[in-house]
Amino acid sequence: MAVVEIYTQWGCPYCTRALALLQSKGVAFTEIDAPGGSPERAQSRERSGRTSVPQIFIDGQHIGGCDDLMALDRKGGLDPLLAA
């Protein structure tokens, strides 16, 4: 199974949407609470180059945010990454 990490922040609707998609796929993931100004947010920014959440990584590869995850799923590219 793939190692999935997702940086999130409480109250973020995009985070909720991305988490729901991952949950619907039945994949295990690590959710990292990364509110603005936290060390976790800084870590997310260093890894992704982006300042927003969510930021999703699969096996260390940066997938992007919620819209990127949804687009990857629509193209049929998400399931193969999760199965790896």
PDB file of N, CA and C in Angstrom:
ATOM      1  N   MET A   1       0.830  -1.191   0.000  1.00  0.00           N
ATOM      2  CA  MET A   1       0.000   0.000   0.000  1.00  0.00           C
ATOM      3  C   MET A   1       0.872   1.251   0.000  1.00  0.00           C
ATOM      4  N   ALA A   2       0.433   2.254  -0.649  1.00  0.00           N
ATOM      5  CA  ALA A   2       1.157   3.514  -0.736  1.00  0.00           C
ATOM      6  C   ALA A   2       1.130   4.235   0.611  1.00  0.00           C
ATOM      7  N   VAL A   3       2.162   5.032   0.845  1.00  0.00           N
ATOM      8  CA  VAL A   3       2.221   5.888   2.026  1.00  0.00           C
ATOM      9  C   VAL A   3       1.648   7.241   1.624  1.00  0.00           C
ATOM     10  N   VAL A   4       0.536   7.613   2.251  1.00  0.00           N
ATOM     11  CA  VAL A   4      -0.162   8.852   1.914  1.00  0.00           C
ATOM     12  C   VAL A   4      -0.097   9.791   3.111  1.00  0.00           C
ATOM     13  N   GLU A   5       0.357  11.010   2.850  1.00  0.00           N
ATOM     14  CA  GLU A   5       0.408  12.049   3.878  1.00  0.00           C
ATOM     15  C   GLU A   5      -0.378  13.243   3.369  1.00  0.00           C
ATOM     16  N   ILE A   6      -1.151  13.854   4.271  1.00  0.00           N
ATOM     17  CA  ILE A   6      -1.918  15.028   3.883  1.00  0.00           C
ATOM     18  C   ILE A   6      -1.837  16.067   5.000  1.00  0.00           C
ATOM     19  N   TYR A   7      -1.353  17.241   4.632  1.00  0.00           N
ATOM     20  CA  TYR A   7      -1.279  18.365   5.556  1.00  0.00           C
ATOM     21  C   TYR A   7      -2.617  19.088   5.501  1.00  0.00           C
ATOM     22  N   THR A   8      -3.233  19.298   6.660  1.00  0.00           N
ATOM     23  CA  THR A   8      -4.557  19.901   6.727  1.00  0.00           C
ATOM     24  C   THR A   8      -4.614  20.986   7.803  1.00  0.00           C
ATOM     25  N   GLN A   9      -5.746  21.657   7.814  1.00  0.00           N
ATOM     26  CA  GLN A   9      -6.025  22.661   8.840  1.00  0.00           C
ATOM     27  C   GLN A   9      -7.502  22.546   9.186  1.00  0.00           C
ATOM     28  N   TRP A  10      -7.829  22.643  10.463  1.00  0.00           N
ATOM     29  CA  TRP A  10      -9.213  22.548  10.902  1.00  0.00           C
ATOM     30  C   TRP A  10     -10.059  23.625  10.223  1.00  0.00           C
ATOM     31  N   GLY A  11     -11.244  23.234   9.785  1.00  0.00           N
ATOM     32  CA  GLY A  11     -12.171  24.177   9.185  1.00  0.00           C
ATOM     33  C   GLY A  11     -11.956  24.440   7.704  1.00  0.00           C
ATOM     34  N   CYS A  12     -10.993  23.797   7.108  1.00  0.00           N
ATOM     35  CA  CYS A  12     -10.686  24.005   5.695  1.00  0.00           C
ATOM     36  C   CYS A  12     -11.587  23.101   4.842  1.00  0.00           C
ATOM     37  N   PRO A  13     -12.483  23.684   4.030  1.00  0.00           N
ATOM     38  CA  PRO A  13     -13.378  22.845   3.226  1.00  0.00           C
ATOM     39  C   PRO A  13     -12.642  22.016   2.164  1.00  0.00           C
ATOM     40  N   TYR A  14     -11.536  22.528   1.653  1.00  0.00           N
ATOM     41  CA  TYR A  14     -10.757  21.766   0.675  1.00  0.00           C
ATOM     42  C   TYR A  14     -10.099  20.556   1.324  1.00  0.00           C
ATOM     43  N   CYS A  15      -9.654  20.736   2.561  1.00  0.00           N
ATOM     44  CA  CYS A  15      -9.075  19.616   3.311  1.00  0.00           C
ATOM     45  C   CYS A  15     -10.130  18.538   3.527  1.00  0.00           C
ATOM     46  N   THR A  16     -11.322  18.959   3.930  1.00  0.00           N
ATOM     47  CA  THR A  16     -12.425  18.022   4.168  1.00  0.00           C
ATOM     48  C   THR A  16     -12.748  17.241   2.902  1.00  0.00           C
ATOM     49  N   ARG A  17     -12.761  17.931   1.780  1.00  0.00           N
ATOM     50  CA  ARG A  17     -13.072  17.287   0.493  1.00  0.00           C
ATOM     51  C   ARG A  17     -11.994  16.275   0.099  1.00  0.00           C
ATOM     52  N   ALA A  18     -10.727  16.652   0.278  1.00  0.00           N
ATOM     53  CA  ALA A  18      -9.628  15.744  -0.058  1.00  0.00           C
ATOM     54  C   ALA A  18      -9.634  14.523   0.867  1.00  0.00           C
ATOM     55  N   LEU A  19      -9.857  14.754   2.151  1.00  0.00           N
ATOM     56  CA  LEU A  19      -9.919  13.641   3.101  1.00  0.00           C
ATOM     57  C   LEU A  19     -11.054  12.691   2.755  1.00  0.00           C
ATOM     58  N   ALA A  20     -12.211  13.249   2.368  1.00  0.00           N
ATOM     59  CA  ALA A  20     -13.358  12.407   2.006  1.00  0.00           C
ATOM     60  C   ALA A  20     -13.041  11.524   0.804  1.00  0.00           C
ATOM     61  N   LEU A  21     -12.343  12.071  -0.175  1.00  0.00           N
ATOM     62  CA  LEU A  21     -11.975  11.265  -1.345  1.00  0.00           C
ATOM     63  C   LEU A  21     -11.046  10.129  -0.941  1.00  0.00           C
ATOM     64  N   LEU A  22     -10.036  10.440  -0.140  1.00  0.00           N
ATOM     65  CA  LEU A  22      -9.112   9.395   0.297  1.00  0.00           C
ATOM     66  C   LEU A  22      -9.838   8.335   1.123  1.00  0.00           C
ATOM     67  N   GLN A  23     -10.743   8.760   1.986  1.00  0.00           N
ATOM     68  CA  GLN A  23     -11.505   7.808   2.793  1.00  0.00           C
ATOM     69  C   GLN A  23     -12.389   6.937   1.916  1.00  0.00           C
ATOM     70  N   SER A  24     -12.981   7.518   0.881  1.00  0.00           N
ATOM     71  CA  SER A  24     -13.854   6.743  -0.013  1.00  0.00           C
ATOM     72  C   SER A  24     -13.063   5.677  -0.770  1.00  0.00           C
ATOM     73  N   LYS A  25     -11.766   5.919  -0.941  1.00  0.00           N
ATOM     74  CA  LYS A  25     -10.902   4.945  -1.621  1.00  0.00           C
ATOM     75  C   LYS A  25     -10.447   3.846  -0.663  1.00  0.00           C
ATOM     76  N   GLY A  26     -10.717   4.025   0.643  1.00  0.00           N
ATOM     77  CA  GLY A  26     -10.339   3.014   1.629  1.00  0.00           C
ATOM     78  C   GLY A  26      -8.853   2.960   1.893  1.00  0.00           C
ATOM     79  N   VAL A  27      -8.158   4.048   1.600  1.00  0.00           N
ATOM     80  CA  VAL A  27      -6.713   4.077   1.766  1.00  0.00           C
ATOM     81  C   VAL A  27      -6.356   4.623   3.153  1.00  0.00           C
ATOM     82  N   ALA A  28      -5.342   4.037   3.747  1.00  0.00           N
ATOM     83  CA  ALA A  28      -4.824   4.560   5.014  1.00  0.00           C
ATOM     84  C   ALA A  28      -3.961   5.777   4.707  1.00  0.00           C
ATOM     85  N   PHE A  29      -4.057   6.796   5.548  1.00  0.00           N
ATOM     86  CA  PHE A  29      -3.250   7.992   5.342  1.00  0.00           C
ATOM     87  C   PHE A  29      -2.900   8.599   6.687  1.00  0.00           C
ATOM     88  N   THR A  30      -1.879   9.414   6.667  1.00  0.00           N
ATOM     89  CA  THR A  30      -1.482  10.172   7.843  1.00  0.00           C
ATOM     90  C   THR A  30      -1.908  11.608   7.632  1.00  0.00           C
ATOM     91  N   GLU A  31      -2.770  12.084   8.523  1.00  0.00           N
ATOM     92  CA  GLU A  31      -3.204  13.478   8.467  1.00  0.00           C
ATOM     93  C   GLU A  31      -2.314  14.286   9.406  1.00  0.00           C
ATOM     94  N   ILE A  32      -1.714  15.323   8.881  1.00  0.00           N
ATOM     95  CA  ILE A  32      -0.808  16.173   9.649  1.00  0.00           C
ATOM     96  C   ILE A  32      -1.485  17.526   9.840  1.00  0.00           C
ATOM     97  N   ASP A  33      -1.817  17.848  11.089  1.00  0.00           N
ATOM     98  CA  ASP A  33      -2.462  19.117  11.408  1.00  0.00           C
ATOM     99  C   ASP A  33      -1.446  20.232  11.203  1.00  0.00           C
ATOM    100  N   ALA A  34      -1.740  21.149  10.283  1.00  0.00           N
ATOM    101  CA  ALA A  34      -0.774  22.178   9.891  1.00  0.00           C
ATOM    102  C   ALA A  34      -1.427  23.558   9.824  1.00  0.00           C
ATOM    103  N   PRO A  35      -1.877  24.070  10.993  1.00  0.00           N
ATOM    104  CA  PRO A  35      -2.462  25.418  10.961  1.00  0.00           C
ATOM    105  C   PRO A  35      -1.416  26.466  10.614  1.00  0.00           C
ATOM    106  N   GLY A  36      -1.887  27.600  10.109  1.00  0.00           N
ATOM    107  CA  GLY A  36      -0.980  28.685   9.736  1.00  0.00           C
ATOM    108  C   GLY A  36      -0.056  29.066  10.875  1.00  0.00           C
ATOM    109  N   GLY A  37       1.213  29.244  10.561  1.00  0.00           N
ATOM    110  CA  GLY A  37       2.202  29.647  11.543  1.00  0.00           C
ATOM    111  C   GLY A  37       2.818  28.505  12.335  1.00  0.00           C
ATOM    112  N   SER A  38       2.362  27.284  12.106  1.00  0.00           N
ATOM    113  CA  SER A  38       2.877  26.133  12.853  1.00  0.00           C
ATOM    114  C   SER A  38       4.123  25.554  12.176  1.00  0.00           C
ATOM    115  N   PRO A  39       4.930  24.810  12.941  1.00  0.00           N
ATOM    116  CA  PRO A  39       6.075  24.124  12.323  1.00  0.00           C
ATOM    117  C   PRO A  39       5.645  23.144  11.236  1.00  0.00           C
ATOM    118  N   GLU A  40       4.472  22.547  11.416  1.00  0.00           N
ATOM    119  CA  GLU A  40       3.971  21.601  10.416  1.00  0.00           C
ATOM    120  C   GLU A  40       3.637  22.307   9.106  1.00  0.00           C
ATOM    121  N   ARG A  41       3.099  23.534   9.196  1.00  0.00           N
ATOM    122  CA  ARG A  41       2.812  24.297   7.980  1.00  0.00           C
ATOM    123  C   ARG A  41       4.117  24.668   7.288  1.00  0.00           C
ATOM    124  N   ALA A  42       5.122  25.032   8.073  1.00  0.00           N
ATOM    125  CA  ALA A  42       6.429  25.352   7.492  1.00  0.00           C
ATOM    126  C   ALA A  42       7.009  24.130   6.792  1.00  0.00           C
ATOM    127  N   GLN A  43       6.841  22.959   7.400  1.00  0.00           N
ATOM    128  CA  GLN A  43       7.326  21.719   6.790  1.00  0.00           C
ATOM    129  C   GLN A  43       6.589  21.444   5.477  1.00  0.00           C
ATOM    130  N   SER A  44       5.286  21.653   5.483  1.00  0.00           N
ATOM    131  CA  SER A  44       4.502  21.471   4.265  1.00  0.00           C
ATOM    132  C   SER A  44       4.987  22.408   3.169  1.00  0.00           C
ATOM    133  N   ARG A  45       5.225  23.661   3.526  1.00  0.00           N
ATOM    134  CA  ARG A  45       5.692  24.664   2.558  1.00  0.00           C
ATOM    135  C   ARG A  45       7.057  24.276   2.001  1.00  0.00           C
ATOM    136  N   GLU A  46       7.949  23.786   2.868  1.00  0.00           N
ATOM    137  CA  GLU A  46       9.280  23.357   2.416  1.00  0.00           C
ATOM    138  C   GLU A  46       9.181  22.181   1.455  1.00  0.00           C
ATOM    139  N   ARG A  47       8.298  21.238   1.744  1.00  0.00           N
ATOM    140  CA  ARG A  47       8.171  20.046   0.908  1.00  0.00           C
ATOM    141  C   ARG A  47       7.466  20.323  -0.410  1.00  0.00           C
ATOM    142  N   SER A  48       6.457  21.209  -0.380  1.00  0.00           N
ATOM    143  CA  SER A  48       5.606  21.386  -1.557  1.00  0.00           C
ATOM    144  C   SER A  48       5.887  22.669  -2.335  1.00  0.00           C
ATOM    145  N   GLY A  49       6.457  23.667  -1.663  1.00  0.00           N
ATOM    146  CA  GLY A  49       6.631  24.960  -2.298  1.00  0.00           C
ATOM    147  C   GLY A  49       5.350  25.780  -2.315  1.00  0.00           C
ATOM    148  N   ARG A  50       4.324  25.295  -1.663  1.00  0.00           N
ATOM    149  CA  ARG A  50       3.029  25.974  -1.626  1.00  0.00           C
ATOM    150  C   ARG A  50       2.689  26.358  -0.186  1.00  0.00           C
ATOM    151  N   THR A  51       1.912  27.418  -0.046  1.00  0.00           N
ATOM    152  CA  THR A  51       1.582  27.908   1.292  1.00  0.00           C
ATOM    153  C   THR A  51       0.210  27.455   1.780  1.00  0.00           C
ATOM    154  N   SER A  52      -0.613  26.906   0.911  1.00  0.00           N
ATOM    155  CA  SER A  52      -1.982  26.535   1.277  1.00  0.00           C
ATOM    156  C   SER A  52      -2.071  25.079   1.709  1.00  0.00           C
ATOM    157  N   VAL A  53      -3.207  24.744   2.305  1.00  0.00           N
ATOM    158  CA  VAL A  53      -3.531  23.355   2.612  1.00  0.00           C
ATOM    159  C   VAL A  53      -4.846  23.032   1.915  1.00  0.00           C
ATOM    160  N   PRO A  54      -5.095  21.779   1.603  1.00  0.00           N
ATOM    161  CA  PRO A  54      -4.244  20.641   1.904  1.00  0.00           C
ATOM    162  C   PRO A  54      -3.084  20.518   0.915  1.00  0.00           C
ATOM    163  N   GLN A  55      -2.070  19.832   1.356  1.00  0.00           N
ATOM    164  CA  GLN A  55      -0.989  19.406   0.471  1.00  0.00           C
ATOM    165  C   GLN A  55      -0.870  17.904   0.654  1.00  0.00           C
ATOM    166  N   ILE A  56      -0.901  17.176  -0.454  1.00  0.00           N
ATOM    167  CA  ILE A  56      -0.971  15.725  -0.430  1.00  0.00           C
ATOM    168  C   ILE A  56       0.286  15.138  -1.048  1.00  0.00           C
ATOM    169  N   PHE A  57       0.806  14.118  -0.376  1.00  0.00           N
ATOM    170  CA  PHE A  57       1.987  13.394  -0.839  1.00  0.00           C
ATOM    171  C   PHE A  57       1.657  11.911  -0.871  1.00  0.00           C
ATOM    172  N   ILE A  58       2.034  11.236  -1.939  1.00  0.00           N
ATOM    173  CA  ILE A  58       1.883   9.790  -2.060  1.00  0.00           C
ATOM    174  C   ILE A  58       3.256   9.212  -2.325  1.00  0.00           C
ATOM    175  N   ASP A  59       3.703   8.364  -1.403  1.00  0.00           N
ATOM    176  CA  ASP A  59       5.053   7.786  -1.463  1.00  0.00           C
ATOM    177  C   ASP A  59       6.112   8.873  -1.653  1.00  0.00           C
ATOM    178  N   GLY A  60       5.923   9.982  -0.948  1.00  0.00           N
ATOM    179  CA  GLY A  60       6.888  11.076  -0.990  1.00  0.00           C
ATOM    180  C   GLY A  60       6.760  11.997  -2.181  1.00  0.00           C
ATOM    181  N   GLN A  61       5.921  11.649  -3.138  1.00  0.00           N
ATOM    182  CA  GLN A  61       5.716  12.477  -4.334  1.00  0.00           C
ATOM    183  C   GLN A  61       4.623  13.489  -4.053  1.00  0.00           C
ATOM    184  N   HIS A  62       4.908  14.757  -4.318  1.00  0.00           N
ATOM    185  CA  HIS A  62       3.915  15.798  -4.106  1.00  0.00           C
ATOM    186  C   HIS A  62       2.842  15.710  -5.177  1.00  0.00           C
ATOM    187  N   ILE A  63       1.602  15.510  -4.744  1.00  0.00           N
ATOM    188  CA  ILE A  63       0.473  15.427  -5.659  1.00  0.00           C
ATOM    189  C   ILE A  63      -0.125  16.808  -5.886  1.00  0.00           C
ATOM    190  N   GLY A  64      -0.118  17.622  -4.839  1.00  0.00           N
ATOM    191  CA  GLY A  64      -0.686  18.965  -4.912  1.00  0.00           C
ATOM    192  C   GLY A  64      -1.769  19.129  -3.871  1.00  0.00           C
ATOM    193  N   GLY A  65      -2.700  20.027  -4.170  1.00  0.00           N
ATOM    194  CA  GLY A  65      -3.800  20.308  -3.266  1.00  0.00           C
ATOM    195  C   GLY A  65      -5.043  19.523  -3.637  1.00  0.00           C
ATOM    196  N   CYS A  66      -6.167  19.966  -3.109  1.00  0.00           N
ATOM    197  CA  CYS A  66      -7.437  19.276  -3.330  1.00  0.00           C
ATOM    198  C   CYS A  66      -7.798  19.202  -4.813  1.00  0.00           C
ATOM    199  N   ASP A  67      -7.727  20.324  -5.501  1.00  0.00           N
ATOM    200  CA  ASP A  67      -8.091  20.326  -6.922  1.00  0.00           C
ATOM    201  C   ASP A  67      -7.188  19.403  -7.731  1.00  0.00           C
ATOM    202  N   ASP A  68      -5.910  19.375  -7.385  1.00  0.00           N
ATOM    203  CA  ASP A  68      -4.969  18.481  -8.078  1.00  0.00           C
ATOM    204  C   ASP A  68      -5.325  17.019  -7.827  1.00  0.00           C
ATOM    205  N   LEU A  69      -5.685  16.700  -6.580  1.00  0.00           N
ATOM    206  CA  LEU A  69      -6.062  15.328  -6.221  1.00  0.00           C
ATOM    207  C   LEU A  69      -7.321  14.908  -6.974  1.00  0.00           C
ATOM    208  N   MET A  70      -8.303  15.790  -7.015  1.00  0.00           N
ATOM    209  CA  MET A  70      -9.553  15.484  -7.715  1.00  0.00           C
ATOM    210  C   MET A  70      -9.313  15.295  -9.217  1.00  0.00           C
ATOM    211  N   ALA A  71      -8.492  16.149  -9.801  1.00  0.00           N
ATOM    212  CA  ALA A  71      -8.184  16.033 -11.234  1.00  0.00           C
ATOM    213  C   ALA A  71      -7.459  14.726 -11.529  1.00  0.00           C
ATOM    214  N   LEU A  72      -6.521  14.358 -10.659  1.00  0.00           N
ATOM    215  CA  LEU A  72      -5.791  13.106 -10.830  1.00  0.00           C
ATOM    216  C   LEU A  72      -6.752  11.926 -10.784  1.00  0.00           C
ATOM    217  N   ASP A  73      -7.717  11.976  -9.872  1.00  0.00           N
ATOM    218  CA  ASP A  73      -8.700  10.904  -9.765  1.00  0.00           C
ATOM    219  C   ASP A  73      -9.573  10.847 -11.015  1.00  0.00           C
ATOM    220  N   ARG A  74     -10.024  12.006 -11.482  1.00  0.00           N
ATOM    221  CA  ARG A  74     -10.871  12.035 -12.695  1.00  0.00           C
ATOM    222  C   ARG A  74     -10.150  11.441 -13.906  1.00  0.00           C
ATOM    223  N   LYS A  75      -8.832  11.652 -13.990  1.00  0.00           N
ATOM    224  CA  LYS A  75      -8.052  11.123 -15.121  1.00  0.00           C
ATOM    225  C   LYS A  75      -7.705   9.652 -14.946  1.00  0.00           C
ATOM    226  N   GLY A  76      -8.054   9.067 -13.800  1.00  0.00           N
ATOM    227  CA  GLY A  76      -7.743   7.664 -13.557  1.00  0.00           C
ATOM    228  C   GLY A  76      -6.338   7.435 -13.052  1.00  0.00           C
ATOM    229  N   GLY A  77      -5.657   8.499 -12.637  1.00  0.00           N
ATOM    230  CA  GLY A  77      -4.277   8.352 -12.192  1.00  0.00           C
ATOM    231  C   GLY A  77      -4.075   8.139 -10.701  1.00  0.00           C
ATOM    232  N   LEU A  78      -5.143   8.332  -9.919  1.00  0.00           N
ATOM    233  CA  LEU A  78      -4.992   8.221  -8.479  1.00  0.00           C
ATOM    234  C   LEU A  78      -4.926   6.764  -8.009  1.00  0.00           C
ATOM    235  N   ASP A  79      -5.832   5.940  -8.478  1.00  0.00           N
ATOM    236  CA  ASP A  79      -5.879   4.541  -8.027  1.00  0.00           C
ATOM    237  C   ASP A  79      -4.559   3.794  -8.243  1.00  0.00           C
ATOM    238  N   PRO A  80      -3.902   3.938  -9.391  1.00  0.00           N
ATOM    239  CA  PRO A  80      -2.615   3.251  -9.567  1.00  0.00           C
ATOM    240  C   PRO A  80      -1.559   3.713  -8.548  1.00  0.00           C
ATOM    241  N   LEU A  81      -1.569   4.999  -8.210  1.00  0.00           N
ATOM    242  CA  LEU A  81      -0.609   5.485  -7.211  1.00  0.00           C
ATOM    243  C   LEU A  81      -0.900   4.917  -5.829  1.00  0.00           C
ATOM    244  N   LEU A  82      -2.181   4.812  -5.510  1.00  0.00           N
ATOM    245  CA  LEU A  82      -2.563   4.285  -4.198  1.00  0.00           C
ATOM    246  C   LEU A  82      -2.296   2.791  -4.070  1.00  0.00           C
ATOM    247  N   ALA A  83      -2.336   2.086  -5.182  1.00  0.00           N
ATOM    248  CA  ALA A  83      -2.123   0.640  -5.165  1.00  0.00           C
ATOM    249  C   ALA A  83      -0.654   0.262  -5.100  1.00  0.00           C
ATOM    250  N   ALA A  84       0.225   1.207  -5.394  1.00  0.00           N
ATOM    251  CA  ALA A  84       1.647   0.907  -5.460  1.00  0.00           C
ATOM    252  C   ALA A  84       2.208   0.510  -4.112  1.00  0.00           C
TER     253      ALA A  84
END
